[in-house]
Amino acid sequence: MVKHSSRIELKQSAYKNNINFIKKKIGENVIVSSVVKANAYGHGIRTFVPMAEKCGVDHFSVASSFEAEEVLSVCSPSSRIMIMGIIYEEDIPWAIAHDIEFFVYNFERLPKTLAAAKKLGKPAKVHIEVETGANRTGLPQKEFLKVLSFLKQNSEHLIFEGLCTHFGGAESISNQFKIDMQHKRYKAFLRQCKEKKIVPNIRHIACSAAALAMKDTVYDMVRIGVAQYGFWPSPDIYYAHLHETNKKADASLKRIFTWKTDIMDIRDVEQGEFIGYGTSFQATHKMTIAVMPLGYSNGYPRALSNRGHVLIHGKKAPIVGLINMNLFMVDITHIKEAVLGDEVVLIGRQINNVINVSSFTNSTQLLNNEMLSRLPAAIPRTVVK
């Protein structure tokens, strides 16, 4: 098999640590739904899902039926899949046939789901998403009683698997008043379920931020995205944890992700010569540079031109010149031991030095999630211990 220009490694022991930490926070009896949308936040669905299953995770949340199909192709038969976003009408029979759960956020979807379930002779598992204040997707209050009646009348074909909502900004303390309002509205929907004597099998509203910092939002299941990959949802959530545990620092969440490449070429550059396209970098002294075999087409941000670093032999090598579509250069004048083919760490640890995702995001104004989810699916992902 031919080699790709870079590779991603996922550390099994770090992921196990993160899951154990999350379960300790939320309680052992609460279901952890691993959110693997956006190609598992760039970690790679096909590699990540089996790794997560080895750590006891057996519920996966995705954003589309397309992603659900990818999870289905690699997960164990006993694992459950839930579509939180788009599922086209023509995909509903496929979802029902494969026991895939999905969100319903408007009444019109229910009769179509019922028809598909009857035709297949198999019940559909639906999660009713209610609107509580995020105003993205969610069933409005005016339609809720009609939905409950419809579910009750057709309980043989429609399983009321979950009642859920989506918090709009739980990672920020400044949004706490809004989150409290959303939670209050969700409780009102729950009361209506009890009054009408039709209750969901699972209640779930908490994302990573809420699950880690707002215990009252943890019901039967939590939908964990960024935290399982080793990232605190925000500084606010991290500092809330420190306050709760009376610690000054905490490394409870560990990054599972390392991105690597290799030195493609090494060149000597004379003083006064320009490096790469244009005139953005001119050598002020005689330099030795290493050429990297990837660029912005491979997910490496062009905004890191002349400001980012990589690790070679555990030392930081600064980027010089513009990052091209599939090449960029770094200064290795100070790394005398560097040779052609040496391993290069783009994100992660090497010896006693580290480059975090934040090293990218602070320079490029990208969110951590945005940076990771942009990484091409073609980059090979492997699991290491």
Protein backbone atom coordinates (compact mmCIF):
# COMPACT_ATOMS: atom_id res chain seq x y z
CA MET A 1 0.00 0.00 0.00
CA VAL A 2 1.36 3.44 -0.90
CA LYS A 3 2.01 5.88 1.93
CA HIS A 4 0.05 9.05 2.60
CA SER A 5 1.92 12.31 3.21
CA SER A 6 0.81 12.37 6.86
CA ARG A 7 -0.80 10.11 9.45
CA ILE A 8 -2.91 10.38 12.59
CA GLU A 9 -2.50 8.24 15.70
CA LEU A 10 -5.20 7.77 18.34
CA LYS A 11 -4.08 6.74 21.81
CA GLN A 12 -6.28 4.02 23.32
CA SER A 13 -5.11 4.51 26.93
CA ALA A 14 -5.83 8.26 26.78
CA TYR A 15 -9.36 7.63 25.53
CA LYS A 16 -10.01 5.07 28.26
CA ASN A 17 -8.84 7.65 30.80
CA ASN A 18 -11.24 10.25 29.39
CA ILE A 19 -14.24 7.91 29.45
CA ASN A 20 -13.48 6.88 33.03
CA PHE A 21 -13.22 10.54 34.07
CA ILE A 22 -16.52 11.42 32.37
CA LYS A 23 -18.32 8.45 33.94
CA LYS A 24 -17.00 9.42 37.36
CA LYS A 25 -18.45 12.90 36.81
CA ILE A 26 -21.89 11.79 35.60
CA GLY A 27 -22.38 8.47 37.39
CA GLU A 28 -21.94 4.90 36.17
CA ASN A 29 -25.62 4.34 35.33
CA VAL A 30 -25.85 7.21 32.84
CA ILE A 31 -25.45 6.28 29.16
CA VAL A 32 -22.55 7.96 27.38
CA SER A 33 -23.46 8.65 23.78
CA SER A 34 -20.24 9.24 21.88
CA VAL A 35 -20.76 12.08 19.40
CA VAL A 36 -18.86 11.12 16.25
CA LYS A 37 -20.22 13.68 13.79
CA ALA A 38 -17.76 15.44 11.47
CA ASN A 39 -15.75 12.24 11.05
CA ALA A 40 -15.46 11.88 14.83
CA TYR A 41 -14.26 15.48 15.14
CA GLY A 42 -11.51 14.67 12.64
CA HIS A 43 -10.34 11.59 14.53
CA GLY A 44 -11.86 9.27 11.91
CA ILE A 45 -15.14 7.38 12.41
CA ARG A 46 -13.85 4.07 11.04
CA THR A 47 -10.86 4.01 13.39
CA PHE A 48 -12.41 5.73 16.39
CA VAL A 49 -15.67 3.78 16.79
CA PRO A 50 -14.09 0.32 17.31
CA MET A 51 -11.58 1.92 19.70
CA ALA A 52 -14.43 3.49 21.69
CA GLU A 53 -16.27 0.17 21.84
CA LYS A 54 -13.20 -1.45 23.41
CA CYS A 55 -13.55 1.12 26.20
CA GLY A 56 -17.17 0.16 26.86
CA VAL A 57 -18.93 2.79 24.73
CA ASP A 58 -21.86 1.36 22.77
CA HIS A 59 -24.00 4.38 21.82
CA PHE A 60 -22.98 6.74 18.99
CA SER A 61 -24.53 10.02 17.87
CA VAL A 62 -24.13 11.40 14.34
CA ALA A 63 -25.39 14.38 12.37
CA SER A 64 -26.75 12.58 9.30
CA SER A 65 -27.86 9.25 7.87
CA PHE A 66 -24.68 9.30 5.76
CA GLU A 67 -22.57 9.33 8.94
CA ALA A 68 -24.84 6.71 10.52
CA GLU A 69 -24.11 4.37 7.62
CA GLU A 70 -20.38 4.84 8.17
CA VAL A 71 -20.70 4.01 11.88
CA LEU A 72 -22.88 1.01 11.02
CA SER A 73 -20.16 -0.36 8.75
CA VAL A 74 -17.63 -0.63 11.60
CA CYS A 75 -19.56 -0.91 14.87
CA SER A 76 -20.61 -4.04 16.75
CA PRO A 77 -24.17 -5.37 16.19
CA SER A 78 -25.00 -4.53 19.81
CA SER A 79 -24.04 -0.84 19.51
CA ARG A 80 -26.72 1.79 19.01
CA ILE A 81 -26.68 4.68 16.56
CA MET A 82 -28.66 7.93 16.86
CA ILE A 83 -29.06 10.53 14.09
CA MET A 84 -29.33 14.01 15.63
CA GLY A 85 -29.58 15.95 12.37
CA ILE A 86 -30.64 15.42 8.77
CA ILE A 87 -32.30 12.22 7.68
CA TYR A 88 -33.96 12.42 4.28
CA GLU A 89 -37.39 10.91 3.84
CA GLU A 90 -36.05 8.24 1.51
CA ASP A 91 -33.58 7.14 4.21
CA ILE A 92 -36.20 6.57 6.92
CA PRO A 93 -36.96 2.94 5.92
CA TRP A 94 -33.23 2.17 5.92
CA ALA A 95 -32.84 3.65 9.42
CA ILE A 96 -35.80 1.68 10.78
CA ALA A 97 -34.57 -1.54 9.17
CA HIS A 98 -31.17 -1.15 10.87
CA ASP A 99 -32.54 -0.13 14.31
CA ILE A 100 -31.08 3.35 13.92
CA GLU A 101 -32.69 5.95 16.17
CA PHE A 102 -33.32 9.47 14.90
CA PHE A 103 -34.47 12.90 16.04
CA VAL A 104 -37.90 14.17 15.06
CA TYR A 105 -38.26 17.95 15.31
CA ASN A 106 -41.47 18.62 13.38
CA PHE A 107 -44.83 16.88 13.33
CA GLU A 108 -44.78 16.28 9.57
CA ARG A 109 -42.01 13.72 9.98
CA LEU A 110 -44.13 11.41 12.19
CA PRO A 111 -46.81 10.27 9.68
CA LYS A 112 -44.06 9.52 7.16
CA THR A 113 -42.15 7.55 9.77
CA LEU A 114 -45.32 5.68 10.73
CA ALA A 115 -45.98 4.71 7.11
CA ALA A 116 -42.44 3.41 6.71
CA ALA A 117 -42.63 1.44 9.97
CA LYS A 118 -45.93 -0.19 8.98
CA LYS A 119 -44.60 -1.11 5.56
CA LEU A 120 -41.51 -2.72 7.09
CA GLY A 121 -43.42 -4.37 9.91
CA LYS A 122 -40.87 -2.99 12.35
CA PRO A 123 -41.21 -0.11 14.86
CA ALA A 124 -39.25 3.12 14.47
CA LYS A 125 -37.24 4.46 17.41
CA VAL A 126 -37.70 8.22 17.55
CA HIS A 127 -36.29 10.93 19.80
CA ILE A 128 -38.54 13.97 20.01
CA GLU A 129 -36.35 17.06 20.06
CA VAL A 130 -38.15 20.02 21.63
CA GLU A 131 -37.50 23.73 21.17
CA THR A 132 -36.39 25.34 24.42
CA GLY A 133 -34.52 28.44 23.27
CA ALA A 134 -31.69 27.58 20.89
CA ASN A 135 -33.98 28.13 17.88
CA ARG A 136 -32.15 25.77 15.57
CA THR A 137 -34.12 22.54 15.36
CA GLY A 138 -36.76 21.49 17.84
CA LEU A 139 -40.47 20.86 18.07
CA PRO A 140 -42.39 23.98 19.14
CA GLN A 141 -44.67 23.85 22.16
CA LYS A 142 -47.80 24.34 20.01
CA GLU A 143 -47.19 20.99 18.28
CA PHE A 144 -46.11 18.96 21.31
CA LEU A 145 -49.48 17.70 22.56
CA LYS A 146 -50.41 16.66 19.03
CA VAL A 147 -47.14 14.72 18.81
CA LEU A 148 -47.74 13.00 22.15
CA SER A 149 -51.23 11.95 21.05
CA PHE A 150 -49.86 10.64 17.77
CA LEU A 151 -47.16 8.62 19.55
CA LYS A 152 -49.68 7.21 22.01
CA GLN A 153 -52.11 6.20 19.27
CA ASN A 154 -49.36 4.53 17.26
CA SER A 155 -47.17 3.09 20.03
CA GLU A 156 -47.07 -0.27 18.26
CA HIS A 157 -45.15 1.29 15.38
CA LEU A 158 -43.47 4.32 16.95
CA ILE A 159 -41.24 3.86 20.00
CA PHE A 160 -40.86 7.03 22.06
CA GLU A 161 -37.18 6.40 22.62
CA GLY A 162 -36.14 9.83 23.82
CA LEU A 163 -37.11 13.38 24.72
CA CYS A 164 -34.26 15.80 24.15
CA THR A 165 -33.21 19.35 23.51
CA HIS A 166 -30.01 21.14 22.53
CA PHE A 167 -28.42 23.77 24.76
CA GLY A 168 -27.33 26.93 22.99
CA GLY A 169 -24.00 27.79 24.61
CA ALA A 170 -23.58 25.68 27.76
CA GLU A 171 -19.80 26.11 27.58
CA SER A 172 -19.98 29.77 28.63
CA ILE A 173 -20.85 30.93 32.14
CA SER A 174 -22.24 34.13 30.63
CA ASN A 175 -24.97 32.00 29.03
CA GLN A 176 -26.04 30.38 32.30
CA PHE A 177 -29.31 32.34 32.47
CA LYS A 178 -30.20 31.04 29.00
CA ILE A 179 -29.30 27.44 29.86
CA ASP A 180 -31.39 27.65 33.04
CA MET A 181 -34.33 28.94 30.97
CA GLN A 182 -33.92 26.09 28.47
CA HIS A 183 -33.77 23.52 31.25
CA LYS A 184 -36.91 24.94 32.83
CA ARG A 185 -38.76 24.69 29.52
CA TYR A 186 -37.54 21.11 29.04
CA LYS A 187 -38.93 20.18 32.45
CA ALA A 188 -42.28 21.61 31.36
CA PHE A 189 -42.28 19.28 28.35
CA LEU A 190 -41.46 16.36 30.66
CA ARG A 191 -44.41 17.23 32.89
CA GLN A 192 -46.72 17.15 29.90
CA CYS A 193 -45.43 13.68 29.04
CA LYS A 194 -46.30 12.47 32.54
CA GLU A 195 -49.72 14.15 32.44
CA LYS A 196 -50.54 12.43 29.15
CA LYS A 197 -49.14 9.14 30.47
CA ILE A 198 -46.63 8.69 27.66
CA VAL A 199 -43.03 9.03 28.77
CA PRO A 200 -39.77 8.58 26.85
CA ASN A 201 -37.42 5.68 27.50
CA ILE A 202 -34.49 8.09 27.69
CA ARG A 203 -34.24 11.75 28.76
CA HIS A 204 -31.17 13.57 27.47
CA ILE A 205 -30.16 17.22 27.21
CA ALA A 206 -26.51 17.44 28.35
CA CYS A 207 -23.56 18.00 26.02
CA SER A 208 -19.93 17.80 27.22
CA ALA A 209 -20.06 21.21 28.93
CA ALA A 210 -23.34 20.56 30.74
CA ALA A 211 -22.37 17.02 31.71
CA LEU A 212 -19.10 18.19 33.30
CA ALA A 213 -20.32 21.34 35.02
CA MET A 214 -24.12 21.17 35.50
CA LYS A 215 -25.09 18.01 37.36
CA ASP A 216 -28.80 18.84 37.31
CA THR A 217 -28.81 18.51 33.50
CA VAL A 218 -27.62 14.89 33.60
CA TYR A 219 -30.62 12.60 33.10
CA ASP A 220 -30.51 9.11 31.54
CA MET A 221 -27.97 9.86 28.82
CA VAL A 222 -25.38 12.52 27.96
CA ARG A 223 -24.14 13.35 24.46
CA ILE A 224 -20.37 13.69 24.79
CA GLY A 225 -18.41 15.23 21.95
CA VAL A 226 -15.29 17.29 22.56
CA ALA A 227 -14.57 16.03 26.10
CA GLN A 228 -14.12 12.41 25.06
CA TYR A 229 -11.37 13.51 22.67
CA GLY A 230 -9.51 15.12 25.56
CA PHE A 231 -10.53 18.78 25.24
CA TRP A 232 -12.26 20.85 27.91
CA PRO A 233 -15.31 22.45 26.26
CA SER A 234 -14.07 25.91 27.32
CA PRO A 235 -11.92 27.65 29.93
CA ASP A 236 -15.12 28.35 31.90
CA ILE A 237 -15.86 24.63 32.27
CA TYR A 238 -12.24 23.86 33.16
CA TYR A 239 -12.14 26.53 35.86
CA ALA A 240 -15.50 25.38 37.22
CA HIS A 241 -14.00 21.90 37.58
CA LEU A 242 -10.95 23.30 39.37
CA HIS A 243 -13.20 25.21 41.76
CA GLU A 244 -15.30 22.10 42.43
CA THR A 245 -12.26 19.91 43.11
CA ASN A 246 -10.24 22.63 44.89
CA LYS A 247 -7.30 22.14 42.52
CA LYS A 248 -4.95 24.64 40.89
CA ALA A 249 -4.53 22.53 37.74
CA ASP A 250 -5.90 19.27 36.41
CA ALA A 251 -4.88 17.00 33.54
CA SER A 252 -7.82 14.63 33.89
CA LEU A 253 -8.66 14.90 30.19
CA LYS A 254 -5.92 13.66 27.88
CA ARG A 255 -5.61 14.33 24.15
CA ILE A 256 -5.83 11.14 22.15
CA PHE A 257 -4.73 12.70 18.87
CA THR A 258 -1.26 12.94 17.29
CA TRP A 259 -0.64 14.12 13.71
CA LYS A 260 2.66 13.24 12.08
CA THR A 261 4.57 13.47 8.81
CA ASP A 262 8.20 13.03 7.69
CA ILE A 263 10.94 15.26 6.33
CA MET A 264 10.62 15.18 2.53
CA ASP A 265 13.83 17.05 1.71
CA ILE A 266 16.60 19.12 3.33
CA ARG A 267 18.13 22.15 1.63
CA ASP A 268 20.73 24.80 2.36
CA VAL A 269 19.64 28.40 1.73
CA GLU A 270 22.10 31.27 1.37
CA GLN A 271 21.66 34.62 3.12
CA GLY A 272 19.39 36.96 1.12
CA GLU A 273 17.53 34.16 -0.69
CA PHE A 274 13.73 33.97 -0.54
CA ILE A 275 12.03 30.79 0.66
CA GLY A 276 8.89 29.51 -1.05
CA TYR A 277 6.36 31.50 -3.06
CA GLY A 278 6.61 35.28 -3.21
CA THR A 279 8.79 37.29 -0.89
CA SER A 280 7.17 36.63 2.48
CA PHE A 281 10.38 35.19 3.97
CA GLN A 282 13.97 36.18 3.19
CA ALA A 283 16.89 34.41 4.82
CA THR A 284 18.79 36.82 7.08
CA HIS A 285 21.63 34.27 7.43
CA LYS A 286 22.70 30.98 5.97
CA MET A 287 19.96 28.48 6.83
CA THR A 288 19.10 24.81 6.63
CA ILE A 289 15.45 24.13 5.87
CA ALA A 290 13.36 20.98 5.81
CA VAL A 291 10.51 20.50 3.36
CA MET A 292 7.22 19.03 4.66
CA PRO A 293 5.08 16.99 2.20
CA LEU A 294 1.70 18.52 3.04
CA GLY A 295 -0.09 21.86 3.00
CA TYR A 296 -3.49 23.50 3.19
CA SER A 297 -5.09 20.88 0.92
CA ASN A 298 -4.21 18.35 3.63
CA GLY A 299 -5.80 20.40 6.41
CA TYR A 300 -2.70 22.31 7.54
CA PRO A 301 -3.86 25.95 7.94
CA ARG A 302 -2.30 28.45 5.55
CA ALA A 303 -2.65 31.08 8.30
CA LEU A 304 0.31 29.43 10.07
CA SER A 305 2.66 30.71 7.36
CA ASN A 306 5.71 32.30 9.06
CA ARG A 307 4.20 31.77 12.52
CA GLY A 308 3.63 28.07 13.22
CA HIS A 309 6.02 25.33 14.40
CA VAL A 310 6.54 21.59 14.06
CA LEU A 311 8.57 19.22 16.27
CA ILE A 312 11.68 17.45 15.00
CA HIS A 313 13.81 15.49 17.48
CA GLY A 314 11.73 17.10 20.21
CA LYS A 315 12.73 20.63 19.15
CA LYS A 316 10.49 23.31 17.70
CA ALA A 317 11.19 24.14 14.07
CA PRO A 318 9.54 27.40 12.91
CA ILE A 319 7.66 27.57 9.61
CA VAL A 320 9.36 29.80 7.06
CA GLY A 321 7.58 31.15 4.01
CA LEU A 322 4.04 30.55 2.82
CA ILE A 323 2.24 27.26 3.37
CA ASN A 324 1.40 25.96 -0.10
CA MET A 325 -1.29 23.58 -1.28
CA ASN A 326 0.83 20.52 -0.49
CA LEU A 327 4.23 21.75 0.75
CA PHE A 328 5.71 23.97 3.44
CA MET A 329 9.16 24.60 4.83
CA VAL A 330 10.61 24.83 8.35
CA ASP A 331 13.90 26.15 9.69
CA ILE A 332 16.10 23.32 11.05
CA THR A 333 19.37 25.27 11.19
CA HIS A 334 19.48 24.57 14.97
CA ILE A 335 18.58 20.88 14.63
CA LYS A 336 21.89 19.47 13.39
CA GLU A 337 20.81 15.85 13.85
CA ALA A 338 17.86 16.10 11.45
CA VAL A 339 18.07 13.86 8.40
CA LEU A 340 15.87 13.00 5.43
CA GLY A 341 12.89 10.87 6.45
CA ASP A 342 12.88 11.91 10.13
CA GLU A 343 9.52 11.86 11.89
CA VAL A 344 7.85 15.24 12.29
CA VAL A 345 5.06 15.94 14.79
CA LEU A 346 2.52 18.49 13.56
CA ILE A 347 0.18 18.14 16.57
CA GLY A 348 1.10 16.18 19.67
CA ARG A 349 4.07 15.35 21.86
CA GLN A 350 7.62 14.46 20.87
CA ILE A 351 10.20 13.78 23.61
CA ASN A 352 9.61 16.63 26.13
CA ASN A 353 7.92 19.15 23.85
CA VAL A 354 4.36 19.46 22.64
CA ILE A 355 2.30 21.26 20.01
CA ASN A 356 -1.35 21.51 20.99
CA VAL A 357 -4.33 22.11 18.73
CA SER A 358 -4.56 25.47 20.50
CA SER A 359 -1.21 26.36 18.93
CA PHE A 360 -3.11 26.33 15.65
CA THR A 361 -6.36 27.84 16.80
CA ASN A 362 -4.80 30.76 18.67
CA SER A 363 -2.94 31.79 15.52
CA THR A 364 -5.67 31.11 12.97
CA GLN A 365 -8.84 32.10 14.88
CA LEU A 366 -10.22 28.62 14.25
CA LEU A 367 -12.13 26.74 16.94
CA ASN A 368 -10.52 23.48 18.12
CA ASN A 369 -13.47 21.56 16.69
CA GLU A 370 -13.28 23.48 13.43
CA MET A 371 -9.57 22.79 13.01
CA LEU A 372 -9.88 19.07 13.71
CA SER A 373 -13.04 18.45 11.70
CA ARG A 374 -11.43 19.99 8.61
CA LEU A 375 -8.76 17.31 8.48
CA PRO A 376 -9.26 15.22 5.31
CA ALA A 377 -10.79 11.78 5.77
CA ALA A 378 -8.08 10.42 3.45
CA ILE A 379 -5.38 10.82 6.14
CA PRO A 380 -4.86 7.32 7.59
CA ARG A 381 -5.78 6.91 11.26
CA THR A 382 -4.38 4.16 13.48
CA VAL A 383 -4.81 3.23 17.14
CA VAL A 384 -1.80 3.02 19.44
CA LYS A 385 -1.69 1.85 23.05
